[in-house]
Amino acid sequence: MSIEDALAALDIGVGVLETGAVPLEQSIALYERGAALKAHCEARLAAAEEKVAQITEAQGGVTAKPVEIR
């Protein structure tokens, strides 16, 4: 799953949870899915940061600042 697709799915899940219109069990399932999507996005971003670091190091060592996901 691309990071864009994961973020879109996460946004939908958050929207559903914010309505408060779903039963508790479904809310828990949506929360678990959201946690998994967040972890997926963090892993994809970490891999991208590593790749950028490798490229910049090969190009003369420009320093990149890490991205933080909340």
Protein backbone atom coordinates (compact mmCIF):
# COMPACT_ATOMS: atom_id res chain seq x y z
CA MET A 1 0.00 0.00 0.00
CA SER A 2 1.35 3.41 -0.90
CA ILE A 3 1.77 6.00 1.80
CA GLU A 4 -0.85 8.14 0.06
CA ASP A 5 -3.38 5.28 0.15
CA ALA A 6 -2.55 4.55 3.79
CA LEU A 7 -3.01 8.20 4.77
CA ALA A 8 -6.32 8.35 2.91
CA ALA A 9 -7.54 5.20 4.68
CA LEU A 10 -6.38 6.59 8.01
CA ASP A 11 -8.23 9.84 7.35
CA ILE A 12 -11.44 7.94 6.57
CA GLY A 13 -11.14 5.86 9.74
CA VAL A 14 -10.55 8.93 11.87
CA GLY A 15 -13.57 10.59 10.30
CA VAL A 16 -15.77 7.63 11.12
CA LEU A 17 -14.50 7.49 14.69
CA GLU A 18 -15.08 11.21 15.16
CA THR A 19 -18.76 10.82 14.29
CA GLY A 20 -19.27 8.58 17.31
CA ALA A 21 -21.91 6.73 15.31
CA VAL A 22 -20.28 3.29 15.32
CA PRO A 23 -20.58 0.58 17.95
CA LEU A 24 -17.76 0.04 20.43
CA GLU A 25 -16.44 -3.13 18.78
CA GLN A 26 -16.28 -1.43 15.39
CA SER A 27 -14.60 1.59 16.96
CA ILE A 28 -11.93 -0.67 18.45
CA ALA A 29 -11.39 -2.36 15.09
CA LEU A 30 -11.06 1.03 13.38
CA TYR A 31 -8.61 2.18 16.03
CA GLU A 32 -6.50 -0.96 15.56
CA ARG A 33 -6.54 -0.45 11.79
CA GLY A 34 -5.50 3.17 12.30
CA ALA A 35 -2.58 2.12 14.49
CA ALA A 36 -1.44 -0.35 11.81
CA LEU A 37 -1.75 2.29 9.08
CA LYS A 38 0.25 4.76 11.19
CA ALA A 39 3.00 2.17 11.69
CA HIS A 40 3.00 1.46 7.95
CA CYS A 41 3.39 5.16 7.15
CA GLU A 42 6.18 5.55 9.69
CA ALA A 43 8.04 2.59 8.19
CA ARG A 44 7.64 3.94 4.65
CA LEU A 45 8.87 7.38 5.72
CA ALA A 46 11.83 5.89 7.59
CA ALA A 47 12.80 3.93 4.47
CA ALA A 48 12.49 7.07 2.35
CA GLU A 49 14.61 9.06 4.82
CA GLU A 50 17.28 6.37 4.72
CA LYS A 51 17.30 6.39 0.94
CA VAL A 52 17.59 10.19 0.85
CA ALA A 53 20.41 10.02 3.39
CA GLN A 54 22.26 7.50 1.21
CA ILE A 55 21.79 9.65 -1.89
CA THR A 56 22.89 12.86 -0.17
CA GLU A 57 25.88 11.12 1.39
CA ALA A 58 26.94 9.92 -2.04
CA GLN A 59 26.51 13.47 -3.35
CA GLY A 60 28.70 15.15 -0.76
CA GLY A 61 26.99 14.80 2.59
CA VAL A 62 24.08 17.23 2.69
CA THR A 63 22.27 16.64 5.99
CA ALA A 64 18.55 15.86 5.96
CA LYS A 65 16.25 16.59 8.91
CA PRO A 66 14.04 13.60 9.96
CA VAL A 67 10.27 13.85 9.51
CA GLU A 68 8.06 13.31 12.56
CA ILE A 69 4.58 11.79 12.30
CA ARG A 70 2.08 12.54 15.03
